[in-house]
């Protein structure tokens, strides 16, 4: 846990942009965390909270069941910025009044600044903002003034400079808001007094110190996959504890083509204490006949722990299990009682057995993917690892819709290898955040030569993204897709139809399961 830096705590009321608020703050080299609106703030008593941000959300305060904070929350000496629902909640709790808007605004609006002091320092008199509201403030709470309006909304931004309370009825975190970054910078640095000293180097130093304090003289077992996350975790742990790290690379039978041998060789060049283990038969036996994706993840997570514990017994002295869990894994696996819903459990968060013998160490738990890549560069991790697309812990099991068998895994491995090799040959692999193939649980009629076929359908998926929280489908040249489709159908026995997934996240997830 990152504890020594001054930080912003974001209370989440269910906005689709909450994670984007966090990204904008961290881009300013300020540490922040997201917590559910009803978090017990006493758990942050020993943290250096410099200010709070209340996110937007879909609820209306006219609803008696809408998420609320106690009025006493606002009696803090820390600055508070309320965004959309967060602004309305602030006014409601402090004695103002809201009502349903006669003219609701969703999308771009023309914003006029009434005061260029405080949170709007250095802003232009007018600019575009991204509005989102159904209710409006009609009576301000004591001590507040209106500092910004739109054509349709008189109270679009408010301030109580004496108490350092601010509210925006628009989203400063989205790129559609012209001067959103400036507003956030003013809040972070001028109002909260932060220094912007949360850098990659400081994160490494603090993480190394935290690892040493937590594990002491004990040995640590790390489940490593050769992906960016676990490889960076391995480098960080190696810096902290050296040969006391035991990196176990498990062949679960769900890896990509030649991955077990190729990644083992690559990892061996990094000075990591590596333990390759082939447990493919065990995983496939346990997955036999299981089609539900959540059950697959739970089984895989539990089996990984069984393998890790068996290896720990062989090595001896192991007290800790390290994982490359990232912040999006944590966010997506936690249900924030009302505003945010559980999307899916990640094998390294929700899939662990309730009781296991080893204590978890997750040195990357508070970091987004791009922050982990930056850490990897600073630690000297080669591009072969940093440039690899993300690969899920459950591997091909969540890319095979339906029953997972050796035959179906082998088929998908061949399809995936052709797809990824093609992206590399055409020089577009590094432009894509993640690309992979999916084996669908359906068959289709086809014709090969003069014969009718009834064979498998596969989907190709490629997306662009920054941190995996949101993603758009990659616009690959149709000629490239046609070439790859033909090559897959000609070379992979059992496939006669190839589709391309053009869904974005949201509403879809990146992986199919």
Protein backbone atom coordinates (compact mmCIF):
# COMPACT_ATOMS: atom_id res chain seq x y z
CA UNK A 1 0.00 0.00 0.00
CA UNK A 2 1.23 3.46 -0.90
CA UNK A 3 0.99 5.39 2.35
CA UNK A 4 3.57 8.15 2.62
CA UNK A 5 2.46 10.44 -0.23
CA UNK A 6 -0.11 13.18 0.10
CA UNK A 7 -3.18 11.99 -1.75
CA UNK A 8 -6.65 12.77 -3.04
CA UNK A 9 -9.47 10.42 -2.05
CA UNK A 10 -12.19 10.04 -4.69
CA UNK A 11 -15.55 8.91 -3.33
CA UNK A 12 -17.43 7.02 -6.02
CA UNK A 13 -21.16 7.55 -6.49
CA UNK A 14 -21.34 5.42 -9.63
CA UNK A 15 -20.13 7.73 -12.40
CA UNK A 16 -18.89 6.07 -15.57
CA UNK A 17 -16.03 8.59 -15.45
CA UNK A 18 -14.76 7.93 -11.90
CA UNK A 19 -11.69 6.04 -13.09
CA UNK A 20 -10.99 8.84 -15.55
CA UNK A 21 -10.89 11.33 -12.67
CA UNK A 22 -8.22 9.16 -11.08
CA UNK A 23 -6.22 8.97 -14.31
CA UNK A 24 -6.23 12.77 -14.72
CA UNK A 25 -5.03 13.26 -11.15
CA UNK A 26 -2.23 10.74 -11.49
CA UNK A 27 -1.16 12.29 -14.79
CA UNK A 28 -0.48 15.39 -12.70
CA UNK A 29 1.89 13.29 -10.55
CA UNK A 30 -0.50 13.29 -7.61
CA UNK A 31 -1.46 10.04 -5.94
CA UNK A 32 -5.16 9.25 -5.51
CA UNK A 33 -7.42 6.35 -4.67
CA UNK A 34 -11.05 5.51 -5.43
CA UNK A 35 -13.30 4.36 -2.60
CA UNK A 36 -17.05 3.64 -2.43
CA UNK A 37 -19.04 6.62 -1.16
CA UNK A 38 -19.90 4.73 2.05
CA UNK A 39 -16.33 3.74 2.92
CA UNK A 40 -15.39 3.90 6.59
CA UNK A 41 -13.15 6.97 6.56
CA UNK A 42 -11.50 5.87 9.80
CA UNK A 43 -9.56 3.36 7.67
CA UNK A 44 -7.82 6.37 6.11
CA UNK A 45 -6.96 7.97 9.45
CA UNK A 46 -3.23 7.37 8.99
CA UNK A 47 -3.18 8.48 5.36
CA UNK A 48 -2.14 11.93 4.15
CA UNK A 49 -5.43 12.99 2.54
CA UNK A 50 -5.04 16.49 1.10
CA UNK A 51 -8.54 16.73 -0.39
CA UNK A 52 -11.65 14.88 -1.52
CA UNK A 53 -13.43 14.60 -4.86
CA UNK A 54 -17.05 13.43 -4.98
CA UNK A 55 -17.78 11.75 -8.31
CA UNK A 56 -20.88 12.06 -10.40
CA UNK A 57 -23.48 9.34 -10.49
CA UNK A 58 -26.81 8.29 -12.02
CA UNK A 59 -28.96 8.83 -8.91
CA UNK A 60 -31.28 11.74 -8.10
CA UNK A 61 -31.42 13.19 -4.60
CA UNK A 62 -35.20 13.23 -4.99
CA UNK A 63 -35.00 9.47 -4.46
CA UNK A 64 -34.92 8.64 -0.72
CA UNK A 65 -32.64 5.68 -1.49
CA UNK A 66 -30.05 7.81 -3.34
CA UNK A 67 -26.52 7.48 -1.94
CA UNK A 68 -25.75 10.19 0.62
CA UNK A 69 -23.03 11.36 2.98
CA UNK A 70 -23.65 12.55 6.49
CA UNK A 71 -23.63 16.33 6.82
CA UNK A 72 -20.66 16.09 9.20
CA UNK A 73 -18.49 14.92 6.30
CA UNK A 74 -18.40 18.49 5.00
CA UNK A 75 -17.11 19.83 8.33
CA UNK A 76 -13.58 18.79 7.37
CA UNK A 77 -10.67 21.18 7.02
CA UNK A 78 -9.82 19.48 3.72
CA UNK A 79 -10.86 20.90 0.33
CA UNK A 80 -13.76 19.13 -1.39
CA UNK A 81 -14.65 19.17 -5.08
CA UNK A 82 -18.09 17.85 -6.01
CA UNK A 83 -18.63 16.82 -9.63
CA UNK A 84 -22.20 16.65 -11.00
CA UNK A 85 -24.04 14.46 -8.45
CA UNK A 86 -21.24 15.29 -6.02
CA UNK A 87 -22.05 19.02 -6.32
CA UNK A 88 -25.76 18.41 -5.84
CA UNK A 89 -25.10 16.25 -2.79
CA UNK A 90 -22.93 18.99 -1.27
CA UNK A 91 -25.66 21.61 -1.65
CA UNK A 92 -28.37 19.23 -0.41
CA UNK A 93 -26.43 18.31 2.71
CA UNK A 94 -25.48 21.90 3.54
CA UNK A 95 -28.97 23.36 3.36
CA UNK A 96 -29.50 24.35 -0.26
CA UNK A 97 -32.30 23.18 -2.52
CA UNK A 98 -32.56 21.17 -5.74
CA UNK A 99 -35.35 20.55 -8.17
CA UNK A 100 -35.83 18.61 -11.38
CA UNK A 101 -34.54 20.67 -14.31
CA UNK A 102 -37.00 22.03 -16.82
CA UNK A 103 -34.21 21.78 -19.38
CA UNK A 104 -31.84 18.87 -18.86
CA UNK A 105 -28.33 19.01 -20.32
CA UNK A 106 -26.31 16.00 -21.49
CA UNK A 107 -23.28 16.66 -23.65
CA UNK A 108 -21.44 19.75 -24.80
CA UNK A 109 -22.54 23.13 -23.47
CA UNK A 110 -21.22 26.68 -23.68
CA UNK A 111 -19.83 27.62 -20.25
CA UNK A 112 -19.23 31.16 -18.95
CA UNK A 113 -16.93 31.87 -16.02
CA UNK A 114 -18.12 34.48 -13.52
CA UNK A 115 -14.99 34.46 -11.38
CA UNK A 116 -11.47 33.64 -12.56
CA UNK A 117 -10.12 33.27 -9.04
CA UNK A 118 -9.66 30.04 -7.09
CA UNK A 119 -10.55 26.91 -9.00
CA UNK A 120 -11.03 28.84 -12.28
CA UNK A 121 -7.77 30.77 -12.10
CA UNK A 122 -6.29 31.35 -15.54
CA UNK A 123 -9.37 30.15 -17.41
CA UNK A 124 -10.89 31.83 -20.43
CA UNK A 125 -14.17 33.66 -19.91
CA UNK A 126 -16.01 31.09 -22.03
CA UNK A 127 -15.32 27.53 -23.13
CA UNK A 128 -16.97 24.17 -23.85
CA UNK A 129 -17.83 21.78 -21.04
CA UNK A 130 -19.40 18.30 -20.90
CA UNK A 131 -22.62 18.63 -18.92
CA UNK A 132 -24.66 15.87 -17.33
CA UNK A 133 -27.62 16.64 -15.10
CA UNK A 134 -31.31 16.07 -14.60
CA UNK A 135 -31.62 18.03 -11.34
CA UNK A 136 -30.45 21.60 -10.77
CA UNK A 137 -29.48 23.76 -7.80
CA UNK A 138 -32.10 26.47 -7.25
CA UNK A 139 -31.08 27.73 -3.78
CA UNK A 140 -27.45 27.86 -2.69
CA UNK A 141 -26.29 26.81 0.77
CA UNK A 142 -24.92 29.55 3.04
CA UNK A 143 -21.47 30.82 2.08
CA UNK A 144 -21.63 29.66 -1.55
CA UNK A 145 -21.61 31.80 -4.68
CA UNK A 146 -22.23 31.00 -8.33
CA UNK A 147 -18.94 31.08 -10.28
CA UNK A 148 -20.09 29.69 -13.64
CA UNK A 149 -23.20 29.30 -15.83
CA UNK A 150 -24.30 27.82 -19.14
CA UNK A 151 -26.94 29.01 -21.57
CA UNK A 152 -29.52 26.74 -19.93
CA UNK A 153 -28.26 26.52 -16.35
CA UNK A 154 -27.61 29.48 -14.08
CA UNK A 155 -25.88 27.45 -11.36
CA UNK A 156 -23.29 25.42 -13.26
CA UNK A 157 -20.38 25.94 -10.85
CA UNK A 158 -20.27 27.04 -7.21
CA UNK A 159 -17.64 27.92 -4.61
CA UNK A 160 -17.29 28.56 -0.90
CA UNK A 161 -13.71 29.81 -0.86
CA UNK A 162 -13.61 30.22 2.91
CA UNK A 163 -14.39 26.54 3.50
CA UNK A 164 -12.63 25.43 0.26
CA UNK A 165 -15.76 23.70 -1.03
CA UNK A 166 -16.33 23.66 -4.81
CA UNK A 167 -18.92 22.17 -7.12
CA UNK A 168 -19.09 21.64 -10.88
CA UNK A 169 -22.21 20.57 -12.75
CA UNK A 170 -19.97 19.34 -15.57
CA UNK A 171 -17.19 16.79 -15.95
CA UNK A 172 -13.68 18.36 -15.91
CA UNK A 173 -12.05 14.95 -16.40
CA UNK A 174 -13.32 14.26 -19.93
CA UNK A 175 -11.43 15.61 -22.93
CA UNK A 176 -14.59 17.31 -24.22
CA UNK A 177 -14.24 19.89 -21.41
CA UNK A 178 -11.78 22.33 -22.95
CA UNK A 179 -10.08 23.49 -19.75
CA UNK A 180 -10.80 20.51 -17.53
CA UNK A 181 -7.14 19.77 -16.82
CA UNK A 182 -6.55 23.38 -15.76
CA UNK A 183 -9.50 23.20 -13.35
CA UNK A 184 -8.18 19.99 -11.79
CA UNK A 185 -4.65 21.41 -11.59
CA UNK A 186 -5.98 24.49 -9.79
CA UNK A 187 -7.79 22.27 -7.30
CA UNK A 188 -4.80 19.99 -6.75
CA UNK A 189 -2.02 22.53 -6.50
CA UNK A 190 -3.51 25.91 -5.57
CA UNK A 191 -6.35 24.76 -3.34
CA UNK A 192 -5.07 21.45 -1.88
CA UNK A 193 -1.43 22.56 -1.86
CA UNK A 194 -0.09 19.38 -3.42
CA UNK A 195 3.42 19.24 -4.91
CA UNK A 196 3.07 16.80 -7.80
CA UNK A 197 5.95 14.66 -6.55
CA UNK A 198 4.39 11.25 -7.12
CA UNK A 199 6.78 9.94 -9.79
CA UNK A 200 7.74 6.51 -11.11
CA UNK A 201 11.02 6.64 -9.21
CA UNK A 202 9.28 7.55 -5.95
CA UNK A 203 6.77 4.74 -6.46
CA UNK A 204 9.59 2.22 -6.97
CA UNK A 205 11.44 3.41 -3.87
CA UNK A 206 8.33 3.32 -1.72
CA UNK A 207 7.25 -0.07 -3.09
CA UNK A 208 10.66 -1.63 -2.41
CA UNK A 209 10.55 -0.29 1.14
CA UNK A 210 7.00 -1.56 1.68
CA UNK A 211 7.86 -5.03 0.34
CA UNK A 212 10.87 -5.33 2.66
CA UNK A 213 8.83 -4.18 5.65
CA UNK A 214 6.02 -6.63 4.92
CA UNK A 215 7.95 -9.81 4.12
CA UNK A 216 10.97 -9.35 6.34
CA UNK A 217 13.44 -12.23 5.95
CA UNK A 218 10.84 -14.60 4.52
CA UNK A 219 10.86 -15.99 1.00
CA UNK A 220 8.14 -14.99 -1.47
CA UNK A 221 6.50 -17.02 -4.21
CA UNK A 222 5.28 -15.11 -7.26
CA UNK A 223 2.96 -16.46 -9.90
CA UNK A 224 4.53 -15.18 -13.11
CA UNK A 225 3.07 -15.37 -16.61
CA UNK A 226 5.57 -13.43 -18.69
CA UNK A 227 3.04 -10.65 -19.17
CA UNK A 228 3.76 -7.04 -18.30
CA UNK A 229 2.15 -7.09 -14.85
CA UNK A 230 3.77 -10.17 -13.37
CA UNK A 231 7.13 -9.44 -15.05
CA UNK A 232 7.26 -5.93 -13.57
CA UNK A 233 6.22 -7.37 -10.21
CA UNK A 234 9.08 -9.88 -10.51
CA UNK A 235 11.62 -7.16 -11.28
CA UNK A 236 10.37 -5.03 -8.39
CA UNK A 237 10.43 -7.96 -5.96
CA UNK A 238 13.88 -9.01 -7.15
CA UNK A 239 15.13 -5.49 -6.42
CA UNK A 240 13.57 -5.65 -2.96
CA UNK A 241 14.48 -9.16 -1.80
CA UNK A 242 16.78 -10.70 -4.46
CA UNK A 243 16.93 -14.49 -4.54
CA UNK A 244 14.31 -14.76 -1.79
CA UNK A 245 11.82 -14.34 -4.63
CA UNK A 246 10.73 -17.61 -6.25
CA UNK A 247 8.89 -16.92 -9.51
CA UNK A 248 6.70 -19.89 -10.46
CA UNK A 249 5.68 -19.99 -14.13
CA UNK A 250 2.80 -22.45 -14.49
CA UNK A 251 1.81 -24.09 -17.74
CA UNK A 252 -1.93 -24.36 -17.13
CA UNK A 253 -2.62 -25.79 -20.58
CA UNK A 254 -4.31 -22.51 -21.47
CA UNK A 255 -1.31 -20.58 -22.74
CA UNK A 256 -0.70 -19.35 -26.27
CA UNK A 257 1.33 -21.32 -28.82
CA UNK A 258 4.90 -22.07 -27.64
CA UNK A 259 4.42 -19.64 -24.76
CA UNK A 260 5.67 -21.89 -21.98
CA UNK A 261 9.06 -22.57 -23.59
CA UNK A 262 9.55 -19.11 -25.14
CA UNK A 263 8.63 -17.13 -22.00
CA UNK A 264 10.70 -19.42 -19.77
CA UNK A 265 13.73 -18.67 -21.94
CA UNK A 266 13.07 -14.91 -21.90
CA UNK A 267 12.54 -14.78 -18.15
CA UNK A 268 15.74 -16.70 -17.63
CA UNK A 269 17.71 -13.77 -19.08
CA UNK A 270 16.48 -11.31 -16.40
CA UNK A 271 18.16 -12.79 -13.34
CA UNK A 272 14.82 -13.85 -11.86
CA UNK A 273 14.78 -16.98 -9.70
CA UNK A 274 12.43 -18.93 -11.99
CA UNK A 275 10.59 -22.22 -11.32
CA UNK A 276 8.76 -23.52 -14.47
CA UNK A 277 5.96 -26.02 -13.66
CA UNK A 278 3.83 -28.00 -16.13
CA UNK A 279 0.39 -28.47 -14.56
CA UNK A 280 -1.61 -28.46 -17.79
CA UNK A 281 -3.27 -31.82 -17.20
CA UNK A 282 -4.49 -30.79 -13.74
CA UNK A 283 -6.14 -27.60 -15.00
CA UNK A 284 -7.80 -29.21 -18.02
CA UNK A 285 -9.14 -32.10 -15.94
CA UNK A 286 -10.74 -29.69 -13.47
CA UNK A 287 -12.26 -27.60 -16.27
CA UNK A 288 -13.79 -30.55 -18.08
CA UNK A 289 -17.47 -29.93 -18.76
CA UNK A 290 -17.50 -26.44 -17.19
CA UNK A 291 -19.05 -23.76 -19.43
CA UNK A 292 -19.99 -20.94 -17.04
CA UNK A 293 -17.27 -18.23 -17.24
CA UNK A 294 -17.40 -17.36 -13.52
CA UNK A 295 -17.02 -21.02 -12.58
CA UNK A 296 -14.06 -21.28 -14.96
CA UNK A 297 -12.36 -18.32 -13.26
CA UNK A 298 -13.02 -19.69 -9.78
CA UNK A 299 -11.68 -23.14 -10.70
CA UNK A 300 -8.58 -21.69 -12.36
CA UNK A 301 -7.89 -19.35 -9.44
CA UNK A 302 -8.23 -22.17 -6.92
CA UNK A 303 -6.04 -24.49 -9.01
CA UNK A 304 -3.33 -21.87 -9.31
CA UNK A 305 -3.29 -21.60 -5.52
CA UNK A 306 -3.06 -25.39 -5.19
CA UNK A 307 -0.06 -25.43 -7.54
CA UNK A 308 1.58 -22.48 -5.80
CA UNK A 309 1.11 -24.07 -2.38
CA UNK A 310 2.56 -27.36 -3.64
CA UNK A 311 5.60 -25.51 -4.96
CA UNK A 312 5.90 -23.57 -1.73
CA UNK A 313 6.02 -26.85 0.21
CA UNK A 314 8.77 -28.12 -2.11
CA UNK A 315 10.83 -24.93 -1.83
CA UNK A 316 10.23 -24.49 1.89
CA UNK A 317 10.28 -21.25 3.95
CA UNK A 318 7.60 -19.63 1.78
CA UNK A 319 5.19 -17.43 3.74
CA UNK A 320 4.00 -15.01 1.05
CA UNK A 321 2.35 -15.24 -2.35
CA UNK A 322 2.92 -12.26 -4.68
CA UNK A 323 0.65 -11.38 -7.61
CA UNK A 324 0.63 -8.77 -10.35
CA UNK A 325 -2.84 -7.50 -9.46
CA UNK A 326 -3.57 -4.03 -10.88
CA UNK A 327 -5.95 -1.28 -9.79
CA UNK A 328 -8.52 -1.94 -12.58
CA UNK A 329 -8.63 -5.59 -11.44
CA UNK A 330 -9.53 -4.40 -7.95
CA UNK A 331 -12.09 -1.84 -9.15
CA UNK A 332 -13.85 -4.28 -11.50
CA UNK A 333 -13.94 -7.02 -8.88
CA UNK A 334 -15.46 -4.95 -6.06
CA UNK A 335 -19.12 -4.10 -5.84
CA UNK A 336 -19.52 -0.61 -4.42
CA UNK A 337 -22.92 -1.30 -2.80
CA UNK A 338 -25.22 0.46 -5.19
CA UNK A 339 -23.32 2.72 -7.59
CA UNK A 340 -20.86 0.31 -9.12
CA UNK A 341 -21.69 -3.27 -10.03
CA UNK A 342 -19.38 -6.27 -10.18
CA UNK A 343 -18.59 -6.89 -13.85
CA UNK A 344 -16.57 -10.05 -13.46
CA UNK A 345 -14.19 -11.50 -10.92
CA UNK A 346 -10.53 -11.58 -11.87
CA UNK A 347 -8.72 -14.82 -11.17
CA UNK A 348 -6.16 -12.98 -9.06
CA UNK A 349 -8.76 -11.10 -7.01
CA UNK A 350 -12.14 -12.80 -6.83
CA UNK A 351 -11.00 -16.27 -7.82
CA UNK A 352 -8.77 -17.08 -4.86
CA UNK A 353 -9.81 -19.75 -2.41
CA UNK A 354 -11.32 -18.31 0.77
CA UNK A 355 -8.67 -19.97 2.86
CA UNK A 356 -5.12 -20.37 1.69
CA UNK A 357 -1.86 -20.92 3.48
CA UNK A 358 0.07 -18.01 1.98
CA UNK A 359 -0.23 -14.28 2.76
CA UNK A 360 -0.80 -12.10 -0.31
CA UNK A 361 1.67 -9.48 -1.50
CA UNK A 362 0.41 -7.29 -4.36
CA UNK A 363 3.00 -4.57 -5.05
CA UNK A 364 1.16 -3.20 -8.13
CA UNK A 365 -2.32 -3.18 -6.61
CA UNK A 366 -2.68 0.62 -6.66
CA UNK A 367 -1.38 1.14 -10.21
CA UNK A 368 -2.99 1.41 -13.64
CA UNK A 369 -1.54 -0.46 -16.62
CA UNK A 370 0.30 2.49 -18.16
CA UNK A 371 1.87 3.26 -14.78
CA UNK A 372 3.10 -0.34 -14.56
CA UNK A 373 4.68 -0.05 -18.02
CA UNK A 374 6.49 3.12 -16.90
CA UNK A 375 7.73 1.31 -13.82
CA UNK A 376 8.95 -1.56 -16.01
CA UNK A 377 10.94 0.83 -18.19
CA UNK A 378 12.54 2.39 -15.12
CA UNK A 379 13.43 -1.09 -13.81
CA UNK A 380 15.07 -2.04 -17.13
CA UNK A 381 12.51 -4.56 -18.35
CA UNK A 382 13.09 -5.29 -22.08
CA UNK A 383 10.58 -4.26 -24.73
CA UNK A 384 9.80 -7.94 -25.41
CA UNK A 385 7.90 -7.85 -22.11
CA UNK A 386 6.74 -4.23 -21.95
CA UNK A 387 5.32 -4.34 -25.47
CA UNK A 388 3.34 -7.55 -25.01
CA UNK A 389 -0.42 -7.33 -25.14
CA UNK A 390 -2.24 -8.17 -21.89
CA UNK A 391 -3.07 -11.83 -21.43
CA UNK A 392 -5.66 -12.89 -18.83
CA UNK A 393 -4.65 -15.15 -15.97
CA UNK A 394 -7.32 -17.70 -16.93
CA UNK A 395 -5.76 -17.69 -20.41
CA UNK A 396 -7.59 -19.35 -23.27
CA UNK A 397 -10.31 -20.62 -20.92
CA UNK A 398 -12.08 -17.25 -21.11
CA UNK A 399 -11.52 -17.08 -24.86
CA UNK A 400 -13.10 -20.48 -25.45
CA UNK A 401 -16.82 -19.98 -25.02
CA UNK A 402 -18.23 -23.23 -23.75
CA UNK A 403 -16.40 -26.40 -22.81
CA UNK A 404 -12.60 -26.20 -22.50
CA UNK A 405 -10.81 -29.21 -23.97
CA UNK A 406 -7.31 -29.97 -25.17
CA UNK A 407 -8.57 -30.11 -28.77
CA UNK A 408 -10.34 -26.73 -28.57
CA UNK A 409 -7.30 -25.14 -26.88
CA UNK A 410 -4.99 -26.41 -29.63
CA UNK A 411 -7.32 -25.09 -32.32
CA UNK A 412 -7.52 -21.64 -30.75
CA UNK A 413 -3.74 -21.53 -30.22
CA UNK A 414 -3.21 -21.93 -33.96
CA UNK A 415 -5.78 -19.25 -34.85
CA UNK A 416 -4.35 -16.82 -32.31
CA UNK A 417 -0.78 -17.37 -33.49
CA UNK A 418 -1.71 -16.57 -37.09
CA UNK A 419 -3.57 -13.42 -36.00
CA UNK A 420 -0.78 -12.05 -33.78
CA UNK A 421 1.96 -12.95 -36.28
CA UNK A 422 0.03 -11.11 -38.98
CA UNK A 423 -0.26 -7.97 -36.86
CA UNK A 424 3.48 -8.04 -36.24
CA UNK A 425 4.32 -8.61 -39.93
CA UNK A 426 2.18 -5.63 -40.94
CA UNK A 427 3.79 -3.43 -38.27
CA UNK A 428 0.60 -2.66 -36.37
CA UNK A 429 0.99 -4.85 -33.27
CA UNK A 430 2.36 -1.99 -31.15
CA UNK A 431 -0.51 0.31 -32.19
CA UNK A 432 -3.01 -2.06 -30.61
CA UNK A 433 -3.62 -2.37 -26.86
CA UNK A 434 -4.78 -5.97 -27.01
CA UNK A 435 -5.53 -8.48 -29.74
CA UNK A 436 -6.63 -12.10 -29.58
CA UNK A 437 -8.90 -14.75 -31.05
CA UNK A 438 -12.04 -16.23 -29.52
CA UNK A 439 -13.50 -19.68 -30.20
CA UNK A 440 -17.29 -19.44 -30.34
CA UNK A 441 -19.67 -22.20 -29.16
CA UNK A 442 -21.34 -22.42 -32.56
CA UNK A 443 -20.66 -24.03 -35.91
CA UNK A 444 -21.46 -22.75 -39.37
CA UNK A 445 -21.94 -24.21 -42.83
CA UNK A 446 -19.17 -23.64 -45.33
CA UNK A 447 -17.81 -24.92 -48.61
CA UNK A 448 -14.26 -26.10 -49.17
CA UNK A 449 -13.53 -27.36 -52.63
CA UNK A 450 -16.70 -29.13 -53.67
CA UNK A 451 -17.54 -30.34 -50.17
CA UNK A 452 -19.92 -28.95 -47.60
CA UNK A 453 -18.38 -28.25 -44.20
CA UNK A 454 -19.90 -27.69 -40.79
CA UNK A 455 -17.13 -26.30 -38.63
CA UNK A 456 -16.12 -23.82 -35.94
CA UNK A 457 -16.52 -20.04 -35.99
CA UNK A 458 -13.81 -17.82 -34.51
CA UNK A 459 -13.86 -14.12 -33.70
CA UNK A 460 -10.87 -11.80 -33.89
CA UNK A 461 -10.73 -9.02 -31.30
CA UNK A 462 -8.38 -5.99 -31.34
CA UNK A 463 -8.81 -2.85 -29.26
CA UNK A 464 -7.08 0.45 -28.59
CA UNK A 465 -6.92 1.74 -25.02
CA UNK A 466 -4.77 3.51 -22.43
CA UNK A 467 -5.37 1.51 -19.28
CA UNK A 468 -8.03 -1.07 -20.19
CA UNK A 469 -10.81 0.68 -18.28
CA UNK A 470 -12.31 1.87 -21.56
CA UNK A 471 -11.45 0.67 -25.06
CA UNK A 472 -12.43 1.08 -28.70
CA UNK A 473 -12.20 -1.51 -31.44
CA UNK A 474 -9.11 -1.15 -33.63
CA UNK A 475 -9.68 -0.02 -37.21
CA UNK A 476 -7.50 -2.61 -38.93
CA UNK A 477 -7.19 -2.33 -42.71
CA UNK A 478 -9.84 -4.61 -44.28
CA UNK A 479 -7.22 -6.01 -46.66
CA UNK A 480 -5.17 -7.16 -43.65
CA UNK A 481 -8.23 -8.75 -42.05
CA UNK A 482 -9.09 -10.48 -45.32
CA UNK A 483 -5.56 -11.87 -45.60
CA UNK A 484 -5.61 -13.17 -42.02
CA UNK A 485 -9.08 -14.66 -42.38
CA UNK A 486 -8.03 -16.58 -45.48
CA UNK A 487 -4.85 -17.79 -43.83
CA UNK A 488 -6.70 -19.00 -40.73
CA UNK A 489 -9.34 -20.90 -42.73
CA UNK A 490 -6.70 -22.47 -45.03
CA UNK A 491 -4.34 -23.52 -42.26
CA UNK A 492 -6.45 -24.36 -39.21
CA UNK A 493 -8.43 -27.53 -39.61
CA UNK A 494 -11.85 -27.20 -38.05
CA UNK A 495 -12.45 -23.49 -38.78
CA UNK A 496 -14.48 -22.30 -41.74
CA UNK A 497 -15.65 -18.83 -40.66
CA UNK A 498 -13.82 -15.80 -39.18
CA UNK A 499 -15.58 -12.73 -37.73
CA UNK A 500 -14.20 -9.41 -36.41
CA UNK A 501 -15.51 -7.89 -33.17
CA UNK A 502 -16.38 -4.17 -33.51
CA UNK A 503 -17.68 -3.63 -29.95
CA UNK A 504 -16.25 -0.95 -27.65
CA UNK A 505 -15.85 -1.03 -23.86
CA UNK A 506 -18.34 -0.07 -22.55
CA UNK A 507 -20.83 -1.53 -23.29
CA UNK A 508 -18.83 -4.70 -24.01
CA UNK A 509 -15.83 -5.88 -22.00
CA UNK A 510 -12.51 -6.46 -23.77
CA UNK A 511 -12.47 -10.20 -23.11
CA UNK A 512 -15.55 -12.17 -24.10
CA UNK A 513 -15.84 -13.88 -20.72
